[in-house]
Amino acid sequence: MSVLDNFDEWKGYLAKRISQAESMGMSQDSIALAATKVGDFLAESVEPQNREEQLLKEMWVNSNEQEQQAIANALVKMLDNNR
């Protein structure tokens, strides 16, 4: 079973990666930039496994760079708040 199969597992996985990045001293801006790059990769290379991921992909591919950065920032903030 992949972390992409279940949205809550996916969020938990990403939250752990954010915690690791923070413990290594990465700034929020660096984390958000990495999240943007991950968003690009996921949108181009990974098939969504559930409705939430499909929504995120559709939002991502229909957004400009500034909007994608906002989506990435919102996801990082959501995951930070849920820890």
Protein backbone atom coordinates (compact mmCIF):
# COMPACT_ATOMS: atom_id res chain seq x y z
CA MET A 1 0.00 0.00 0.00
CA SER A 2 1.36 3.41 -1.00
CA VAL A 3 1.08 6.61 1.04
CA LEU A 4 -0.77 7.98 -1.98
CA ASP A 5 -3.64 5.53 -1.51
CA ASN A 6 -5.06 7.33 1.52
CA PHE A 7 -5.13 11.12 1.86
CA ASP A 8 -4.65 11.07 5.64
CA GLU A 9 -1.61 8.80 5.28
CA TRP A 10 -0.26 11.10 2.58
CA LYS A 11 -0.69 14.12 4.86
CA GLY A 12 1.04 12.25 7.71
CA TYR A 13 3.93 11.30 5.46
CA LEU A 14 4.39 14.90 4.28
CA ALA A 15 4.10 16.23 7.85
CA LYS A 16 6.96 13.94 8.91
CA ARG A 17 9.10 15.15 6.00
CA ILE A 18 8.38 18.77 6.98
CA SER A 19 9.38 18.02 10.58
CA GLN A 20 12.62 16.47 9.35
CA ALA A 21 13.36 19.49 7.17
CA GLU A 22 12.71 21.86 10.06
CA SER A 23 14.94 19.83 12.39
CA MET A 24 17.71 20.11 9.77
CA GLY A 25 17.34 23.90 9.88
CA MET A 26 15.45 24.51 6.65
CA SER A 27 13.50 27.75 6.60
CA GLN A 28 9.77 27.89 5.86
CA ASP A 29 10.58 29.54 2.54
CA SER A 30 12.92 26.68 1.59
CA ILE A 31 10.31 24.13 2.64
CA ALA A 32 7.64 25.89 0.58
CA LEU A 33 9.99 26.00 -2.43
CA ALA A 34 10.61 22.26 -2.06
CA ALA A 35 6.84 21.70 -1.77
CA THR A 36 6.38 23.58 -5.04
CA LYS A 37 8.92 21.34 -6.76
CA VAL A 38 7.23 18.25 -5.33
CA GLY A 39 3.88 19.59 -6.57
CA ASP A 40 5.31 19.94 -10.08
CA PHE A 41 6.65 16.38 -9.99
CA LEU A 42 3.41 14.91 -8.66
CA ALA A 43 1.27 16.76 -11.20
CA GLU A 44 3.47 15.60 -14.08
CA SER A 45 4.38 12.07 -13.02
CA VAL A 46 2.00 10.56 -10.48
CA GLU A 47 -1.59 9.50 -11.05
CA PRO A 48 -3.89 10.68 -8.22
CA GLN A 49 -5.12 7.81 -6.05
CA ASN A 50 -8.11 9.51 -4.43
CA ARG A 51 -10.49 12.46 -4.82
CA GLU A 52 -8.39 14.82 -2.70
CA GLU A 53 -5.27 14.19 -4.75
CA GLN A 54 -7.27 14.60 -7.96
CA LEU A 55 -8.53 17.97 -6.73
CA LEU A 56 -5.01 19.09 -5.82
CA LYS A 57 -3.73 18.01 -9.24
CA GLU A 58 -6.50 19.86 -11.06
CA MET A 59 -5.88 22.97 -8.97
CA TRP A 60 -2.13 22.69 -9.61
CA VAL A 61 -2.25 22.26 -13.38
CA ASN A 62 -4.77 25.09 -13.75
CA SER A 63 -2.76 27.55 -11.65
CA ASN A 64 0.02 29.91 -12.58
CA GLU A 65 3.37 29.86 -10.73
CA GLN A 66 2.26 32.37 -8.09
CA GLU A 67 -0.93 30.42 -7.40
CA GLN A 68 1.04 27.17 -7.20
CA GLN A 69 3.32 28.75 -4.59
CA ALA A 70 0.22 29.75 -2.63
CA ILE A 71 -1.13 26.18 -2.83
CA ALA A 72 2.23 24.80 -1.66
CA ASN A 73 2.38 27.33 1.21
CA ALA A 74 -1.18 26.47 2.25
CA LEU A 75 -0.39 22.73 2.26
CA VAL A 76 2.74 23.26 4.36
CA LYS A 77 0.80 25.45 6.78
CA MET A 78 -2.05 22.91 6.99
CA LEU A 79 0.38 20.10 7.75
CA ASP A 80 2.24 22.22 10.32
CA ASN A 81 -1.04 23.06 12.07
CA ASN A 82 -2.15 19.42 12.12
CA ARG A 83 0.97 18.17 13.90
